[in-house]
Amino acid sequence: MLSGMTLADDILSLVTRKPGLTEAEIAKHLFGRLGYQQRVNSTCRRLIHEYRIERRGNGGPGHPFNYHRKRIVDGA
């Protein structure tokens, strides 16, 4: 994890640079080879609820969800 940033900030930054990562891949990028996926699960769900990232895919075995930065759509 980058110093001075929250886990949510780190996830947002990562999925902006590398869209399409799974939760396991996000954990490995942020916490190293043995990154613990559960550390990012609740934060990813919160960011989805806040409309800051979006989850794609079916989430089934062999096809995990992947995460992307939510596109901001101008209402004009």
PDB file of N, CA and C in Angstrom:
ATOM      1  N   MET A   1       0.846  -1.172   0.000  1.00  0.00           N
ATOM      2  CA  MET A   1       0.000   0.000   0.000  1.00  0.00           C
ATOM      3  C   MET A   1       0.887   1.229   0.000  1.00  0.00           C
ATOM      4  N   LEU A   2       0.464   2.259  -0.698  1.00  0.00           N
ATOM      5  CA  LEU A   2       1.235   3.489  -0.764  1.00  0.00           C
ATOM      6  C   LEU A   2       1.048   4.282   0.518  1.00  0.00           C
ATOM      7  N   SER A   3       2.119   4.886   1.017  1.00  0.00           N
ATOM      8  CA  SER A   3       2.015   5.614   2.271  1.00  0.00           C
ATOM      9  C   SER A   3       1.210   6.889   2.092  1.00  0.00           C
ATOM     10  N   GLY A   4       0.458   7.258   3.136  1.00  0.00           N
ATOM     11  CA  GLY A   4      -0.309   8.492   3.118  1.00  0.00           C
ATOM     12  C   GLY A   4      -1.630   8.398   2.366  1.00  0.00           C
ATOM     13  N   MET A   5      -1.934   7.230   1.831  1.00  0.00           N
ATOM     14  CA  MET A   5      -3.179   7.054   1.103  1.00  0.00           C
ATOM     15  C   MET A   5      -4.013   5.985   1.795  1.00  0.00           C
ATOM     16  N   THR A   6      -5.320   6.073   1.633  1.00  0.00           N
ATOM     17  CA  THR A   6      -6.181   5.039   2.182  1.00  0.00           C
ATOM     18  C   THR A   6      -6.210   3.854   1.227  1.00  0.00           C
ATOM     19  N   LEU A   7      -6.707   2.745   1.692  1.00  0.00           N
ATOM     20  CA  LEU A   7      -6.844   1.568   0.837  1.00  0.00           C
ATOM     21  C   LEU A   7      -7.754   1.893  -0.348  1.00  0.00           C
ATOM     22  N   ALA A   8      -8.835   2.632  -0.103  1.00  0.00           N
ATOM     23  CA  ALA A   8      -9.740   3.014  -1.197  1.00  0.00           C
ATOM     24  C   ALA A   8      -9.001   3.838  -2.248  1.00  0.00           C
ATOM     25  N   ASP A   9      -8.172   4.788  -1.810  1.00  0.00           N
ATOM     26  CA  ASP A   9      -7.384   5.597  -2.755  1.00  0.00           C
ATOM     27  C   ASP A   9      -6.447   4.718  -3.571  1.00  0.00           C
ATOM     28  N   ASP A  10      -5.805   3.766  -2.906  1.00  0.00           N
ATOM     29  CA  ASP A  10      -4.881   2.869  -3.595  1.00  0.00           C
ATOM     30  C   ASP A  10      -5.605   2.016  -4.634  1.00  0.00           C
ATOM     31  N   ILE A  11      -6.791   1.515  -4.279  1.00  0.00           N
ATOM     32  CA  ILE A  11      -7.560   0.704  -5.222  1.00  0.00           C
ATOM     33  C   ILE A  11      -7.999   1.543  -6.415  1.00  0.00           C
ATOM     34  N   LEU A  12      -8.502   2.739  -6.163  1.00  0.00           N
ATOM     35  CA  LEU A  12      -8.912   3.629  -7.257  1.00  0.00           C
ATOM     36  C   LEU A  12      -7.747   3.921  -8.193  1.00  0.00           C
ATOM     37  N   SER A  13      -6.604   4.228  -7.629  1.00  0.00           N
ATOM     38  CA  SER A  13      -5.421   4.519  -8.434  1.00  0.00           C
ATOM     39  C   SER A  13      -5.023   3.302  -9.270  1.00  0.00           C
ATOM     40  N   LEU A  14      -5.036   2.137  -8.656  1.00  0.00           N
ATOM     41  CA  LEU A  14      -4.630   0.919  -9.340  1.00  0.00           C
ATOM     42  C   LEU A  14      -5.573   0.556 -10.481  1.00  0.00           C
ATOM     43  N   VAL A  15      -6.893   0.580 -10.233  1.00  0.00           N
ATOM     44  CA  VAL A  15      -7.816   0.191 -11.301  1.00  0.00           C
ATOM     45  C   VAL A  15      -7.907   1.254 -12.396  1.00  0.00           C
ATOM     46  N   THR A  16      -7.481   2.467 -12.100  1.00  0.00           N
ATOM     47  CA  THR A  16      -7.388   3.490 -13.141  1.00  0.00           C
ATOM     48  C   THR A  16      -6.216   3.174 -14.065  1.00  0.00           C
ATOM     49  N   ARG A  17      -5.085   2.792 -13.467  1.00  0.00           N
ATOM     50  CA  ARG A  17      -3.888   2.459 -14.254  1.00  0.00           C
ATOM     51  C   ARG A  17      -3.982   1.106 -14.940  1.00  0.00           C
ATOM     52  N   LYS A  18      -4.631   0.147 -14.259  1.00  0.00           N
ATOM     53  CA  LYS A  18      -4.686  -1.235 -14.758  1.00  0.00           C
ATOM     54  C   LYS A  18      -6.125  -1.748 -14.674  1.00  0.00           C
ATOM     55  N   PRO A  19      -6.996  -1.269 -15.547  1.00  0.00           N
ATOM     56  CA  PRO A  19      -8.389  -1.723 -15.484  1.00  0.00           C
ATOM     57  C   PRO A  19      -8.502  -3.212 -15.762  1.00  0.00           C
ATOM     58  N   GLY A  20      -9.488  -3.831 -15.117  1.00  0.00           N
ATOM     59  CA  GLY A  20      -9.763  -5.243 -15.360  1.00  0.00           C
ATOM     60  C   GLY A  20      -9.162  -6.195 -14.356  1.00  0.00           C
ATOM     61  N   LEU A  21      -8.538  -5.677 -13.304  1.00  0.00           N
ATOM     62  CA  LEU A  21      -7.952  -6.555 -12.285  1.00  0.00           C
ATOM     63  C   LEU A  21      -9.037  -7.200 -11.426  1.00  0.00           C
ATOM     64  N   THR A  22      -8.761  -8.404 -10.951  1.00  0.00           N
ATOM     65  CA  THR A  22      -9.647  -9.081 -10.005  1.00  0.00           C
ATOM     66  C   THR A  22      -9.269  -8.630  -8.589  1.00  0.00           C
ATOM     67  N   GLU A  23     -10.108  -9.001  -7.603  1.00  0.00           N
ATOM     68  CA  GLU A  23      -9.777  -8.666  -6.211  1.00  0.00           C
ATOM     69  C   GLU A  23      -8.463  -9.308  -5.793  1.00  0.00           C
ATOM     70  N   ALA A  24      -8.220 -10.537  -6.210  1.00  0.00           N
ATOM     71  CA  ALA A  24      -6.967 -11.222  -5.858  1.00  0.00           C
ATOM     72  C   ALA A  24      -5.773 -10.491  -6.462  1.00  0.00           C
ATOM     73  N   GLU A  25      -5.904 -10.043  -7.701  1.00  0.00           N
ATOM     74  CA  GLU A  25      -4.813  -9.310  -8.350  1.00  0.00           C
ATOM     75  C   GLU A  25      -4.585  -7.954  -7.694  1.00  0.00           C
ATOM     76  N   ILE A  26      -5.657  -7.286  -7.307  1.00  0.00           N
ATOM     77  CA  ILE A  26      -5.534  -6.004  -6.598  1.00  0.00           C
ATOM     78  C   ILE A  26      -4.763  -6.224  -5.297  1.00  0.00           C
ATOM     79  N   ALA A  27      -5.136  -7.264  -4.549  1.00  0.00           N
ATOM     80  CA  ALA A  27      -4.461  -7.570  -3.281  1.00  0.00           C
ATOM     81  C   ALA A  27      -2.978  -7.831  -3.500  1.00  0.00           C
ATOM     82  N   LYS A  28      -2.636  -8.585  -4.529  1.00  0.00           N
ATOM     83  CA  LYS A  28      -1.222  -8.881  -4.804  1.00  0.00           C
ATOM     84  C   LYS A  28      -0.450  -7.622  -5.176  1.00  0.00           C
ATOM     85  N   HIS A  29      -1.060  -6.744  -5.971  1.00  0.00           N
ATOM     86  CA  HIS A  29      -0.403  -5.490  -6.349  1.00  0.00           C
ATOM     87  C   HIS A  29      -0.167  -4.603  -5.124  1.00  0.00           C
ATOM     88  N   LEU A  30      -1.124  -4.570  -4.222  1.00  0.00           N
ATOM     89  CA  LEU A  30      -1.025  -3.662  -3.073  1.00  0.00           C
ATOM     90  C   LEU A  30      -0.255  -4.243  -1.893  1.00  0.00           C
ATOM     91  N   PHE A  31      -0.333  -5.559  -1.700  1.00  0.00           N
ATOM     92  CA  PHE A  31       0.236  -6.163  -0.495  1.00  0.00           C
ATOM     93  C   PHE A  31       1.306  -7.214  -0.770  1.00  0.00           C
ATOM     94  N   GLY A  32       1.660  -7.413  -2.032  1.00  0.00           N
ATOM     95  CA  GLY A  32       2.712  -8.369  -2.342  1.00  0.00           C
ATOM     96  C   GLY A  32       2.184  -9.730  -2.740  1.00  0.00           C
ATOM     97  N   ARG A  33       3.111 -10.609  -2.997  1.00  0.00           N
ATOM     98  CA  ARG A  33       2.814 -11.947  -3.520  1.00  0.00           C
ATOM     99  C   ARG A  33       1.784 -12.696  -2.695  1.00  0.00           C
ATOM    100  N   LEU A  34       1.817 -12.527  -1.393  1.00  0.00           N
ATOM    101  CA  LEU A  34       0.888 -13.222  -0.519  1.00  0.00           C
ATOM    102  C   LEU A  34      -0.285 -12.329  -0.127  1.00  0.00           C
ATOM    103  N   GLY A  35      -0.592 -11.359  -0.975  1.00  0.00           N
ATOM    104  CA  GLY A  35      -1.682 -10.422  -0.686  1.00  0.00           C
ATOM    105  C   GLY A  35      -2.965 -11.149  -0.327  1.00  0.00           C
ATOM    106  N   TYR A  36      -3.606 -10.683   0.711  1.00  0.00           N
ATOM    107  CA  TYR A  36      -4.804 -11.318   1.236  1.00  0.00           C
ATOM    108  C   TYR A  36      -6.027 -10.636   0.640  1.00  0.00           C
ATOM    109  N   GLN A  37      -6.735 -11.344  -0.209  1.00  0.00           N
ATOM    110  CA  GLN A  37      -7.856 -10.803  -0.965  1.00  0.00           C
ATOM    111  C   GLN A  37      -8.936 -10.195  -0.074  1.00  0.00           C
ATOM    112  N   GLN A  38      -9.176 -10.781   1.081  1.00  0.00           N
ATOM    113  CA  GLN A  38     -10.234 -10.274   1.958  1.00  0.00           C
ATOM    114  C   GLN A  38      -9.986  -8.827   2.389  1.00  0.00           C
ATOM    115  N   ARG A  39      -8.729  -8.398   2.351  1.00  0.00           N
ATOM    116  CA  ARG A  39      -8.408  -7.019   2.745  1.00  0.00           C
ATOM    117  C   ARG A  39      -8.970  -6.005   1.765  1.00  0.00           C
ATOM    118  N   VAL A  40      -9.217  -6.417   0.523  1.00  0.00           N
ATOM    119  CA  VAL A  40      -9.741  -5.464  -0.463  1.00  0.00           C
ATOM    120  C   VAL A  40     -11.228  -5.672  -0.759  1.00  0.00           C
ATOM    121  N   ASN A  41     -11.802  -6.828  -0.405  1.00  0.00           N
ATOM    122  CA  ASN A  41     -13.190  -7.125  -0.747  1.00  0.00           C
ATOM    123  C   ASN A  41     -14.167  -6.045  -0.288  1.00  0.00           C
ATOM    124  N   SER A  42     -14.165  -5.730   0.991  1.00  0.00           N
ATOM    125  CA  SER A  42     -15.152  -4.780   1.507  1.00  0.00           C
ATOM    126  C   SER A  42     -14.928  -3.383   0.943  1.00  0.00           C
ATOM    127  N   THR A  43     -13.676  -3.019   0.707  1.00  0.00           N
ATOM    128  CA  THR A  43     -13.400  -1.697   0.145  1.00  0.00           C
ATOM    129  C   THR A  43     -13.878  -1.624  -1.299  1.00  0.00           C
ATOM    130  N   CYS A  44     -13.681  -2.671  -2.076  1.00  0.00           N
ATOM    131  CA  CYS A  44     -14.195  -2.693  -3.455  1.00  0.00           C
ATOM    132  C   CYS A  44     -15.714  -2.561  -3.451  1.00  0.00           C
ATOM    133  N   ARG A  45     -16.383  -3.269  -2.567  1.00  0.00           N
ATOM    134  CA  ARG A  45     -17.840  -3.191  -2.511  1.00  0.00           C
ATOM    135  C   ARG A  45     -18.309  -1.792  -2.114  1.00  0.00           C
ATOM    136  N   ARG A  46     -17.596  -1.176  -1.186  1.00  0.00           N
ATOM    137  CA  ARG A  46     -17.950   0.198  -0.803  1.00  0.00           C
ATOM    138  C   ARG A  46     -17.768   1.151  -1.977  1.00  0.00           C
ATOM    139  N   LEU A  47     -16.673   0.999  -2.724  1.00  0.00           N
ATOM    140  CA  LEU A  47     -16.422   1.862  -3.874  1.00  0.00           C
ATOM    141  C   LEU A  47     -17.468   1.653  -4.970  1.00  0.00           C
ATOM    142  N   ILE A  48     -17.968   0.434  -5.119  1.00  0.00           N
ATOM    143  CA  ILE A  48     -19.064   0.173  -6.061  1.00  0.00           C
ATOM    144  C   ILE A  48     -20.313   0.907  -5.591  1.00  0.00           C
ATOM    145  N   HIS A  49     -20.624   0.781  -4.315  1.00  0.00           N
ATOM    146  CA  HIS A  49     -21.807   1.437  -3.737  1.00  0.00           C
ATOM    147  C   HIS A  49     -21.729   2.961  -3.890  1.00  0.00           C
ATOM    148  N   GLU A  50     -20.523   3.496  -3.834  1.00  0.00           N
ATOM    149  CA  GLU A  50     -20.300   4.945  -3.979  1.00  0.00           C
ATOM    150  C   GLU A  50     -20.177   5.365  -5.450  1.00  0.00           C
ATOM    151  N   TYR A  51     -20.357   4.425  -6.371  1.00  0.00           N
ATOM    152  CA  TYR A  51     -20.278   4.679  -7.822  1.00  0.00           C
ATOM    153  C   TYR A  51     -18.904   5.199  -8.252  1.00  0.00           C
ATOM    154  N   ARG A  52     -17.855   4.711  -7.608  1.00  0.00           N
ATOM    155  CA  ARG A  52     -16.499   5.135  -7.955  1.00  0.00           C
ATOM    156  C   ARG A  52     -15.776   4.095  -8.801  1.00  0.00           C
ATOM    157  N   ILE A  53     -16.160   2.815  -8.640  1.00  0.00           N
ATOM    158  CA  ILE A  53     -15.649   1.757  -9.512  1.00  0.00           C
ATOM    159  C   ILE A  53     -16.836   0.910  -9.932  1.00  0.00           C
ATOM    160  N   GLU A  54     -16.621   0.088 -10.951  1.00  0.00           N
ATOM    161  CA  GLU A  54     -17.655  -0.849 -11.355  1.00  0.00           C
ATOM    162  C   GLU A  54     -17.063  -2.238 -11.479  1.00  0.00           C
ATOM    163  N   ARG A  55     -17.910  -3.214 -11.240  1.00  0.00           N
ATOM    164  CA  ARG A  55     -17.512  -4.615 -11.287  1.00  0.00           C
ATOM    165  C   ARG A  55     -18.115  -5.212 -12.554  1.00  0.00           C
ATOM    166  N   ARG A  56     -17.302  -5.946 -13.294  1.00  0.00           N
ATOM    167  CA  ARG A  56     -17.756  -6.583 -14.531  1.00  0.00           C
ATOM    168  C   ARG A  56     -17.507  -8.075 -14.462  1.00  0.00           C
ATOM    169  N   GLY A  57     -18.223  -8.810 -15.275  1.00  0.00           N
ATOM    170  CA  GLY A  57     -18.061 -10.252 -15.319  1.00  0.00           C
ATOM    171  C   GLY A  57     -19.153 -10.969 -14.565  1.00  0.00           C
ATOM    172  N   ASN A  58     -19.093 -12.308 -14.582  1.00  0.00           N
ATOM    173  CA  ASN A  58     -20.149 -13.083 -13.934  1.00  0.00           C
ATOM    174  C   ASN A  58     -19.768 -13.564 -12.540  1.00  0.00           C
ATOM    175  N   GLY A  59     -18.515 -13.477 -12.181  1.00  0.00           N
ATOM    176  CA  GLY A  59     -18.090 -13.844 -10.832  1.00  0.00           C
ATOM    177  C   GLY A  59     -18.125 -15.329 -10.531  1.00  0.00           C
ATOM    178  N   GLY A  60     -18.353 -16.140 -11.515  1.00  0.00           N
ATOM    179  CA  GLY A  60     -18.413 -17.586 -11.284  1.00  0.00           C
ATOM    180  C   GLY A  60     -17.025 -18.197 -11.176  1.00  0.00           C
ATOM    181  N   PRO A  61     -16.984 -19.476 -10.815  1.00  0.00           N
ATOM    182  CA  PRO A  61     -15.697 -20.172 -10.726  1.00  0.00           C
ATOM    183  C   PRO A  61     -14.944 -20.091 -12.052  1.00  0.00           C
ATOM    184  N   GLY A  62     -13.703 -19.716 -11.983  1.00  0.00           N
ATOM    185  CA  GLY A  62     -12.892 -19.584 -13.180  1.00  0.00           C
ATOM    186  C   GLY A  62     -13.101 -18.283 -13.936  1.00  0.00           C
ATOM    187  N   HIS A  63     -14.083 -17.478 -13.512  1.00  0.00           N
ATOM    188  CA  HIS A  63     -14.379 -16.193 -14.156  1.00  0.00           C
ATOM    189  C   HIS A  63     -14.653 -15.137 -13.090  1.00  0.00           C
ATOM    190  N   PRO A  64     -13.637 -14.763 -12.315  1.00  0.00           N
ATOM    191  CA  PRO A  64     -13.872 -13.812 -11.227  1.00  0.00           C
ATOM    192  C   PRO A  64     -14.265 -12.436 -11.756  1.00  0.00           C
ATOM    193  N   PHE A  65     -14.945 -11.683 -10.895  1.00  0.00           N
ATOM    194  CA  PHE A  65     -15.271 -10.303 -11.236  1.00  0.00           C
ATOM    195  C   PHE A  65     -13.986  -9.539 -11.482  1.00  0.00           C
ATOM    196  N   ASN A  66     -14.053  -8.534 -12.341  1.00  0.00           N
ATOM    197  CA  ASN A  66     -12.921  -7.623 -12.512  1.00  0.00           C
ATOM    198  C   ASN A  66     -13.421  -6.208 -12.349  1.00  0.00           C
ATOM    199  N   TYR A  67     -12.517  -5.320 -12.012  1.00  0.00           N
ATOM    200  CA  TYR A  67     -12.876  -3.973 -11.573  1.00  0.00           C
ATOM    201  C   TYR A  67     -12.305  -2.903 -12.488  1.00  0.00           C
ATOM    202  N   HIS A  68     -13.120  -1.865 -12.677  1.00  0.00           N
ATOM    203  CA  HIS A  68     -12.779  -0.747 -13.544  1.00  0.00           C
ATOM    204  C   HIS A  68     -13.203   0.550 -12.868  1.00  0.00           C
ATOM    205  N   ARG A  69     -12.495   1.630 -13.171  1.00  0.00           N
ATOM    206  CA  ARG A  69     -12.885   2.943 -12.673  1.00  0.00           C
ATOM    207  C   ARG A  69     -14.216   3.310 -13.303  1.00  0.00           C
ATOM    208  N   LYS A  70     -15.145   3.804 -12.526  1.00  0.00           N
ATOM    209  CA  LYS A  70     -16.457   4.196 -13.027  1.00  0.00           C
ATOM    210  C   LYS A  70     -16.302   5.419 -13.893  1.00  0.00           C
ATOM    211  N   ARG A  71     -16.905   5.374 -15.055  1.00  0.00           N
ATOM    212  CA  ARG A  71     -16.873   6.529 -15.957  1.00  0.00           C
ATOM    213  C   ARG A  71     -17.872   7.562 -15.475  1.00  0.00           C
ATOM    214  N   ILE A  72     -17.449   8.799 -15.496  1.00  0.00           N
ATOM    215  CA  ILE A  72     -18.345   9.886 -15.112  1.00  0.00           C
ATOM    216  C   ILE A  72     -19.059  10.350 -16.367  1.00  0.00           C
ATOM    217  N   VAL A  73     -20.372  10.325 -16.307  1.00  0.00           N
ATOM    218  CA  VAL A  73     -21.181  10.724 -17.456  1.00  0.00           C
ATOM    219  C   VAL A  73     -21.748  12.100 -17.172  1.00  0.00           C
ATOM    220  N   ASP A  74     -21.500  13.022 -18.091  1.00  0.00           N
ATOM    221  CA  ASP A  74     -22.017  14.377 -17.945  1.00  0.00           C
ATOM    222  C   ASP A  74     -23.494  14.370 -18.262  1.00  0.00           C
ATOM    223  N   GLY A  75     -24.301  14.926 -17.385  1.00  0.00           N
ATOM    224  CA  GLY A  75     -25.747  14.942 -17.546  1.00  0.00           C
ATOM    225  C   GLY A  75     -26.236  15.968 -18.550  1.00  0.00           C
ATOM    226  N   ALA A  76     -25.342  16.744 -19.166  1.00  0.00           N
ATOM    227  CA  ALA A  76     -25.758  17.795 -20.104  1.00  0.00           C
ATOM    228  C   ALA A  76     -26.179  17.233 -21.434  1.00  0.00           C
TER     229      ALA A  76
END
